[in-house]
Amino acid sequence: MSSTLTREQHLELYYFMRLNRELEEQMVRLFRQNKIVGGLYPSLGQEAISVGTAYALGPGDWIAPMIRNIGALLVRGFKPRDVMTQHMARYTSPTFGKDGTSHFGDLKSRHVISPISMLGDLIPVMAGIAMAGRYLGQKIVTMTWIGDGGTSTGVFHEGLNLAAVQKAPFVLIVENNQWAYSTPVEKQSALRDLADRAKAYGIRSAIVDGNDVLAIERTTREAVAHARAGNGPVLIEAKTMRMLGHAQHDAAEYVPKAMLESWKQRDPLVRFEKVLTEKKLWDAKTKKEIDERIAREIRVDVEFAENSPFPPPESAEEGVYCEGCHTIEADWQRPKEEVLPPRSSVKAEWAMKSYAANGARPPAATPSAPKTRPGKKTARPVVRAKAGR
């Protein structure tokens, strides 16, 4: 399938993917120097998913990245220094040094929800934001990511079911990277394709090569258009491989060497570089310019992060509770009276589409009870259901 992206967009995708990788490699060096105070969860081999999916969204859409989605943060405008200072717990970080990992976001301008450590919990949150946007008359789409292991949590199913029933404009990216920490996919699910989980909720799903950034961007763009049009949520399974351990402390010795070597041949960056060359979208000079730009940006931001102070002790008590420190107000795009009682009220009574499991028609209503032969059951003439008081 051909891509509708321009040459500049192709190069921008490469820039974000390469920046993602170079940033994480720099953070590994900082971690080994004891300058990273929290955990470090690499996304080596998965950069195409974070970048490609986030790139397919509009500027007004909302995302909730997880620990391996640094690429999505970069696409949304965060700088390498934001990620580094956050992990180094410096006062110049987005959380002013109060967190040593990836728990930060931006509600005001970038529409980024902070990660929730409990896997799956972001799914009902993003379903709710999607519903709220529709309630306010906004044409937004929300997105979050979950790993293969996270699809086994209860809240994954509860949140996806809620999104499906409400037809929320929500896109869920399942990053099937083959391992839930040290548990392989086949030991956690009997499904061959995790995308099949969507069938239980009657929503659309797609499977995409998680190491092909163009396929990811295209598939996600189609899913976003589907959700934005009011057709309900979409689940996308991106098949990829986690090329390192769960975190820096994990040597991943449980992963077969042959498996790693096989996936190494499908490195998303190497594959995309080949595409750019074959399509004559760049030359050696262009590639060198992009790589030099990234090296320069990383160098400047590393210096900024290392020279940034730790938070002063007295700041420990600041920002623990919200006491008027910020105001979040609804951006009403419809008259309030249309979405508030009494005009928004509907009678709590719904006509039933089906009256029996086999779809049989209800018997005609008569003044007296229907006559039946002994031992024969008759469907109850239920015409409509009313909400309980």
Protein backbone atom coordinates (compact mmCIF):
# COMPACT_ATOMS: atom_id res chain seq x y z
CA MET A 1 0.00 0.00 0.00
CA SER A 2 1.33 3.40 -0.93
CA SER A 3 1.77 6.18 1.60
CA THR A 4 0.08 9.57 1.31
CA LEU A 5 2.78 11.24 3.39
CA THR A 6 4.94 13.96 1.89
CA ARG A 7 8.71 13.81 1.71
CA GLU A 8 8.96 16.16 4.68
CA GLN A 9 6.67 13.92 6.73
CA HIS A 10 8.74 10.86 5.87
CA LEU A 11 11.85 12.66 7.08
CA GLU A 12 10.06 13.85 10.20
CA LEU A 13 9.11 10.27 11.06
CA TYR A 14 12.77 9.29 10.72
CA TYR A 15 13.81 12.23 12.89
CA PHE A 16 11.49 11.25 15.75
CA MET A 17 12.42 7.57 15.57
CA ARG A 18 16.14 8.31 15.56
CA LEU A 19 15.74 10.91 18.32
CA ASN A 20 13.83 8.32 20.37
CA ARG A 21 16.67 5.81 20.05
CA GLU A 22 19.51 8.25 20.60
CA LEU A 23 17.78 9.71 23.66
CA GLU A 24 17.34 6.28 25.25
CA GLU A 25 20.93 5.31 24.51
CA GLN A 26 22.07 8.50 26.23
CA MET A 27 19.82 7.73 29.18
CA VAL A 28 21.39 4.28 29.51
CA ARG A 29 24.76 5.99 29.87
CA LEU A 30 23.31 8.32 32.52
CA PHE A 31 21.82 5.33 34.31
CA ARG A 32 25.19 3.60 34.46
CA GLN A 33 26.67 6.78 35.91
CA ASN A 34 24.05 6.70 38.70
CA LYS A 35 22.46 9.90 37.38
CA ILE A 36 19.10 8.26 36.69
CA VAL A 37 17.39 7.91 40.06
CA GLY A 38 14.41 5.79 38.99
CA GLY A 39 13.76 2.89 36.66
CA LEU A 40 14.58 2.95 32.98
CA TYR A 41 12.37 0.97 30.62
CA PRO A 42 13.83 0.82 27.10
CA SER A 43 11.80 0.74 23.91
CA LEU A 44 14.59 -0.54 21.64
CA GLY A 45 12.91 -2.11 18.62
CA GLN A 46 9.53 -0.50 19.36
CA GLU A 47 10.21 3.09 18.30
CA ALA A 48 8.08 2.82 15.15
CA ILE A 49 4.93 2.11 17.19
CA SER A 50 5.16 5.12 19.50
CA VAL A 51 6.11 7.50 16.72
CA GLY A 52 3.82 6.17 14.01
CA THR A 53 0.68 6.02 16.14
CA ALA A 54 1.11 9.44 17.76
CA TYR A 55 1.96 10.97 14.38
CA ALA A 56 -1.44 9.89 13.00
CA LEU A 57 -3.38 11.98 15.54
CA GLY A 58 -4.55 15.56 15.29
CA PRO A 59 -3.22 18.37 17.53
CA GLY A 60 -6.43 18.46 19.58
CA ASP A 61 -6.50 14.74 20.29
CA TRP A 62 -5.50 13.26 23.64
CA ILE A 63 -2.87 10.62 24.39
CA ALA A 64 -1.78 8.69 27.47
CA PRO A 65 1.69 7.22 26.89
CA MET A 66 3.14 4.33 28.89
CA ILE A 67 6.73 3.65 29.94
CA ARG A 68 7.93 2.62 26.44
CA ASN A 69 6.27 5.47 24.57
CA ILE A 70 8.92 8.18 24.72
CA GLY A 71 8.55 8.52 20.96
CA ALA A 72 4.94 9.66 21.40
CA LEU A 73 6.07 12.32 23.87
CA LEU A 74 8.62 13.61 21.36
CA VAL A 75 5.98 13.77 18.62
CA ARG A 76 3.79 15.80 20.97
CA GLY A 77 6.48 18.41 21.46
CA PHE A 78 8.32 17.34 24.60
CA LYS A 79 12.10 17.78 24.39
CA PRO A 80 14.85 15.31 25.32
CA ARG A 81 15.63 17.52 28.34
CA ASP A 82 12.09 17.00 29.65
CA VAL A 83 12.57 13.24 29.62
CA MET A 84 16.11 13.33 31.02
CA THR A 85 15.45 15.79 33.85
CA GLN A 86 12.37 13.81 34.78
CA HIS A 87 14.35 10.58 35.15
CA MET A 88 17.15 12.46 36.92
CA ALA A 89 14.65 14.05 39.35
CA ARG A 90 15.86 17.58 38.67
CA TYR A 91 13.96 20.71 39.61
CA THR A 92 13.70 21.71 35.95
CA SER A 93 11.72 18.56 35.10
CA PRO A 94 8.01 18.62 34.25
CA THR A 95 7.22 17.43 37.82
CA PHE A 96 9.86 19.66 39.48
CA GLY A 97 11.91 16.68 40.58
CA LYS A 98 9.07 14.82 42.31
CA ASP A 99 9.22 11.72 40.13
CA GLY A 100 12.11 9.66 38.81
CA THR A 101 10.38 7.94 35.90
CA SER A 102 7.88 8.81 33.20
CA HIS A 103 4.91 10.02 35.23
CA PHE A 104 4.29 13.39 33.65
CA GLY A 105 1.97 14.98 31.13
CA ASP A 106 0.50 18.27 29.96
CA LEU A 107 -3.23 18.91 30.23
CA LYS A 108 -3.20 22.49 28.99
CA SER A 109 -1.49 22.51 25.61
CA ARG A 110 -0.20 19.09 24.53
CA HIS A 111 -3.19 17.05 25.76
CA VAL A 112 -1.02 14.38 27.38
CA ILE A 113 -2.29 12.33 30.33
CA SER A 114 0.34 11.08 32.77
CA PRO A 115 0.95 7.31 32.87
CA ILE A 116 -0.74 5.15 35.50
CA SER A 117 1.50 2.40 36.83
CA MET A 118 -1.36 -0.10 37.22
CA LEU A 119 -1.53 -1.70 33.81
CA GLY A 120 -4.80 -1.20 31.96
CA ASP A 121 -6.10 1.62 34.13
CA LEU A 122 -5.52 4.18 31.39
CA ILE A 123 -8.07 2.46 29.16
CA PRO A 124 -11.22 3.50 31.07
CA VAL A 125 -9.62 6.90 31.70
CA MET A 126 -9.13 7.54 28.00
CA ALA A 127 -12.57 6.12 27.20
CA GLY A 128 -13.97 8.66 29.66
CA ILE A 129 -12.03 11.53 28.11
CA ALA A 130 -13.31 10.50 24.69
CA MET A 131 -16.88 10.50 26.00
CA ALA A 132 -16.34 13.87 27.70
CA GLY A 133 -15.05 15.37 24.47
CA ARG A 134 -18.14 14.22 22.62
CA TYR A 135 -20.32 15.56 25.45
CA LEU A 136 -18.71 18.97 24.96
CA GLY A 137 -19.21 18.86 21.21
CA GLN A 138 -15.53 18.31 20.42
CA LYS A 139 -14.45 16.04 17.56
CA ILE A 140 -11.52 14.56 19.46
CA VAL A 141 -10.03 11.07 19.51
CA THR A 142 -8.16 9.61 22.47
CA MET A 143 -5.39 7.02 22.45
CA THR A 144 -3.38 4.95 24.86
CA TRP A 145 -1.05 1.98 24.67
CA ILE A 146 -0.95 -1.37 26.48
CA GLY A 147 1.43 -4.33 26.34
CA ASP A 148 0.47 -7.91 25.58
CA GLY A 149 0.55 -8.77 29.29
CA GLY A 150 -1.67 -5.83 30.14
CA THR A 151 -4.48 -7.24 27.98
CA SER A 152 -4.95 -9.92 30.66
CA THR A 153 -5.95 -7.41 33.36
CA GLY A 154 -9.56 -7.02 34.37
CA VAL A 155 -9.62 -3.28 33.82
CA PHE A 156 -8.52 -3.80 30.19
CA HIS A 157 -11.79 -5.63 29.52
CA GLU A 158 -13.93 -3.34 31.65
CA GLY A 159 -12.57 -0.21 29.99
CA LEU A 160 -12.79 -1.59 26.46
CA ASN A 161 -16.34 -2.77 27.04
CA LEU A 162 -17.32 0.68 28.32
CA ALA A 163 -15.73 2.32 25.27
CA ALA A 164 -17.51 -0.11 22.94
CA VAL A 165 -20.98 0.31 24.45
CA GLN A 166 -20.62 4.10 24.47
CA LYS A 167 -19.07 4.16 20.98
CA ALA A 168 -16.31 6.32 22.40
CA PRO A 169 -13.89 7.85 19.85
CA PHE A 170 -10.98 5.88 21.30
CA VAL A 171 -8.05 4.00 19.75
CA LEU A 172 -6.19 1.37 21.78
CA ILE A 173 -2.72 0.28 20.68
CA VAL A 174 -1.72 -3.19 21.88
CA GLU A 175 2.06 -3.46 21.68
CA ASN A 176 2.59 -7.20 21.39
CA ASN A 177 6.33 -7.28 22.12
CA GLN A 178 6.25 -11.03 22.88
CA TRP A 179 7.05 -10.79 26.59
CA ALA A 180 5.12 -9.73 29.71
CA TYR A 181 8.28 -9.19 31.73
CA SER A 182 9.59 -12.79 31.48
CA THR A 183 6.35 -14.52 30.44
CA PRO A 184 5.99 -15.28 26.71
CA VAL A 185 2.70 -14.50 24.97
CA GLU A 186 1.72 -18.14 24.46
CA LYS A 187 1.91 -18.68 28.24
CA GLN A 188 -0.49 -15.82 28.98
CA SER A 189 -3.12 -16.14 26.25
CA ALA A 190 -4.52 -18.93 24.07
CA LEU A 191 -5.15 -16.42 21.28
CA ARG A 192 -2.88 -16.36 18.27
CA ASP A 193 -3.78 -12.72 17.63
CA LEU A 194 -4.55 -10.41 20.55
CA ALA A 195 -6.57 -8.27 18.14
CA ASP A 196 -9.25 -10.96 18.42
CA ARG A 197 -10.07 -9.65 21.88
CA ALA A 198 -11.95 -6.84 20.11
CA LYS A 199 -14.51 -9.31 18.76
CA ALA A 200 -15.90 -9.86 22.25
CA TYR A 201 -16.95 -6.21 22.35
CA GLY A 202 -18.15 -5.81 18.78
CA ILE A 203 -15.53 -3.26 17.77
CA ARG A 204 -13.15 -2.97 14.85
CA SER A 205 -9.60 -4.28 15.11
CA ALA A 206 -6.49 -4.39 12.97
CA ILE A 207 -3.12 -6.14 13.01
CA VAL A 208 -0.04 -4.29 11.83
CA ASP A 209 3.68 -4.94 11.54
CA GLY A 210 5.01 -3.04 14.55
CA ASN A 211 8.40 -2.57 12.90
CA ASP A 212 7.03 -0.82 9.80
CA VAL A 213 6.44 2.83 10.71
CA LEU A 214 4.58 3.63 7.47
CA ALA A 215 2.16 0.74 7.93
CA ILE A 216 1.62 1.79 11.54
CA GLU A 217 0.94 5.42 10.67
CA ARG A 218 -1.45 4.47 7.87
CA THR A 219 -3.36 1.88 9.93
CA THR A 220 -3.65 4.27 12.85
CA ARG A 221 -4.78 7.15 10.66
CA GLU A 222 -7.60 4.97 9.31
CA ALA A 223 -8.57 3.91 12.84
CA VAL A 224 -8.60 7.52 14.02
CA ALA A 225 -10.87 8.53 11.14
CA HIS A 226 -13.20 5.63 11.96
CA ALA A 227 -13.42 6.63 15.63
CA ARG A 228 -13.75 10.35 14.91
CA ALA A 229 -16.69 9.66 12.60
CA GLY A 230 -18.65 8.22 15.52
CA ASN A 231 -18.24 4.55 14.65
CA GLY A 232 -16.79 3.52 17.99
CA PRO A 233 -13.36 2.49 19.26
CA VAL A 234 -10.68 0.55 17.41
CA LEU A 235 -8.07 -1.88 18.74
CA ILE A 236 -4.79 -2.14 16.85
CA GLU A 237 -2.36 -4.95 17.60
CA ALA A 238 1.19 -4.01 16.62
CA LYS A 239 3.41 -7.09 16.53
CA THR A 240 6.99 -6.31 17.52
CA MET A 241 9.76 -7.41 19.85
CA ARG A 242 11.20 -6.01 23.06
CA MET A 243 14.90 -6.14 22.22
CA LEU A 244 16.09 -5.59 25.80
CA GLY A 245 14.89 -6.63 29.24
CA HIS A 246 11.85 -5.24 30.98
CA ALA A 247 14.09 -2.59 32.59
CA GLN A 248 17.79 -1.88 33.01
CA HIS A 249 18.06 -4.35 35.88
CA ASP A 250 16.73 -7.17 33.68
CA ALA A 251 19.32 -8.97 31.50
CA ALA A 252 16.52 -10.85 29.66
CA GLU A 253 18.42 -14.14 29.82
CA TYR A 254 15.10 -15.95 29.44
CA VAL A 255 14.78 -14.76 25.82
CA PRO A 256 16.15 -17.26 23.25
CA LYS A 257 19.17 -15.82 21.46
CA ALA A 258 17.85 -17.00 18.10
CA MET A 259 14.65 -15.05 18.69
CA LEU A 260 16.55 -11.84 19.37
CA GLU A 261 18.73 -12.35 16.32
CA SER A 262 15.70 -12.94 14.10
CA TRP A 263 14.02 -9.73 15.22
CA LYS A 264 17.26 -7.80 14.98
CA GLN A 265 17.07 -8.28 11.22
CA ARG A 266 13.77 -6.39 11.26
CA ASP A 267 15.04 -3.31 13.09
CA PRO A 268 12.45 -0.56 12.42
CA LEU A 269 15.03 2.18 11.91
CA VAL A 270 17.16 0.17 9.48
CA ARG A 271 14.06 -0.83 7.53
CA PHE A 272 12.82 2.74 7.27
CA GLU A 273 16.22 4.02 6.21
CA LYS A 274 16.12 1.50 3.37
CA VAL A 275 12.66 2.73 2.34
CA LEU A 276 13.81 6.36 2.29
CA THR A 277 16.76 5.39 0.11
CA GLU A 278 14.75 3.23 -2.29
CA LYS A 279 12.10 5.93 -2.71
CA LYS A 280 14.84 8.52 -3.22
CA LEU A 281 13.42 10.67 -0.45
CA TRP A 282 16.86 11.51 0.88
CA ASP A 283 20.54 11.22 0.17
CA ALA A 284 23.64 10.82 2.33
CA LYS A 285 23.82 14.57 2.89
CA THR A 286 20.24 14.78 4.17
CA LYS A 287 20.72 11.82 6.50
CA LYS A 288 23.91 13.35 7.87
CA GLU A 289 22.17 16.66 8.52
CA ILE A 290 19.36 14.99 10.47
CA ASP A 291 21.75 12.82 12.48
CA GLU A 292 23.95 15.82 13.29
CA ARG A 293 20.91 17.82 14.37
CA ILE A 294 19.87 15.03 16.73
CA ALA A 295 23.38 14.67 18.17
CA ARG A 296 23.51 18.42 18.76
CA GLU A 297 20.11 18.51 20.47
CA ILE A 298 20.98 15.56 22.71
CA ARG A 299 24.33 17.12 23.64
CA VAL A 300 22.76 20.47 24.58
CA ASP A 301 19.98 18.86 26.59
CA VAL A 302 22.33 16.49 28.44
CA GLU A 303 24.37 19.50 29.52
CA PHE A 304 21.18 21.27 30.60
CA ALA A 305 20.01 18.25 32.61
CA GLU A 306 23.31 17.63 34.35
CA ASN A 307 23.60 21.28 35.34
CA SER A 308 20.04 21.45 36.62
CA PRO A 309 19.62 21.50 40.42
CA PHE A 310 17.79 18.98 42.53
CA PRO A 311 14.58 20.28 44.11
CA PRO A 312 15.00 22.28 47.33
CA PRO A 313 13.88 20.40 50.46
CA GLU A 314 11.05 22.84 51.19
CA SER A 315 9.40 21.97 47.87
CA ALA A 316 8.55 18.49 49.20
CA GLU A 317 5.32 19.81 50.68
CA GLU A 318 4.34 21.72 47.55
CA GLY A 319 1.93 20.32 45.02
CA VAL A 320 0.89 17.38 47.16
CA TYR A 321 -2.73 18.51 47.13
CA CYS A 322 -4.42 20.89 44.72
CA GLU A 323 -5.36 24.02 46.61
CA GLY A 324 -6.31 26.36 43.82
CA CYS A 325 -2.96 25.91 42.09
CA HIS A 326 -4.66 25.45 38.74
CA THR A 327 -8.11 25.61 37.22
CA ILE A 328 -9.45 23.14 34.69
CA GLU A 329 -12.67 24.30 33.07
CA ALA A 330 -14.76 22.69 30.40
CA ASP A 331 -14.33 24.18 26.94
CA TRP A 332 -18.02 24.27 26.03
CA GLN A 333 -18.56 24.13 22.29
CA ARG A 334 -22.33 23.69 22.54
CA PRO A 335 -24.87 25.72 24.53
CA LYS A 336 -24.83 24.43 28.10
CA GLU A 337 -28.60 24.12 28.22
CA GLU A 338 -28.44 21.45 25.51
CA VAL A 339 -26.31 19.11 27.58
CA LEU A 340 -27.66 19.86 31.06
CA PRO A 341 -31.05 18.97 32.59
CA PRO A 342 -33.85 19.44 31.85
CA ARG A 343 -33.26 19.68 28.09
CA SER A 344 -30.71 16.87 28.16
CA SER A 345 -33.07 14.54 30.05
CA VAL A 346 -34.64 11.58 28.33
CA LYS A 347 -37.38 9.32 29.56
CA ALA A 348 -35.83 6.28 31.25
CA GLU A 349 -37.70 3.83 29.02
CA TRP A 350 -36.35 1.88 26.07
CA ALA A 351 -38.13 -0.28 23.55
CA MET A 352 -36.58 -3.74 23.37
CA LYS A 353 -35.14 -4.84 20.04
CA SER A 354 -35.50 -8.53 20.81
CA TYR A 355 -37.89 -10.36 23.12
CA ALA A 356 -36.29 -13.78 23.35
CA ALA A 357 -32.92 -15.39 22.88
CA ASN A 358 -34.05 -16.98 19.61
CA GLY A 359 -35.52 -13.74 18.29
CA ALA A 360 -39.14 -14.99 18.46
CA ARG A 361 -41.91 -12.44 18.35
CA PRO A 362 -43.81 -11.75 21.59
CA PRO A 363 -47.31 -13.20 21.86
CA ALA A 364 -50.22 -10.85 21.30
CA ALA A 365 -51.34 -9.17 24.51
CA THR A 366 -54.72 -10.43 25.79
CA PRO A 367 -56.83 -9.47 28.82
CA SER A 368 -56.43 -12.93 30.32
CA ALA A 369 -53.36 -15.04 30.90
CA PRO A 370 -52.31 -17.09 27.86
CA LYS A 371 -53.45 -20.69 27.81
CA THR A 372 -50.68 -23.25 27.86
CA ARG A 373 -50.46 -26.98 28.03
CA PRO A 374 -48.98 -28.45 31.23
CA GLY A 375 -45.17 -28.50 31.15
CA LYS A 376 -44.86 -26.10 28.21
CA LYS A 377 -43.12 -22.79 28.78
CA THR A 378 -44.28 -19.59 27.17
CA ALA A 379 -42.18 -16.47 26.55
CA ARG A 380 -43.24 -13.59 28.74
CA PRO A 381 -44.89 -10.73 26.80
CA VAL A 382 -42.30 -8.17 27.86
CA VAL A 383 -42.68 -5.13 25.64
CA ARG A 384 -40.31 -2.63 27.21
CA ALA A 385 -37.94 -2.27 30.11
CA LYS A 386 -38.09 0.57 32.62
CA ALA A 387 -35.27 1.85 34.75
CA GLY A 388 -35.65 0.98 38.44
CA ARG A 389 -36.46 3.70 40.91
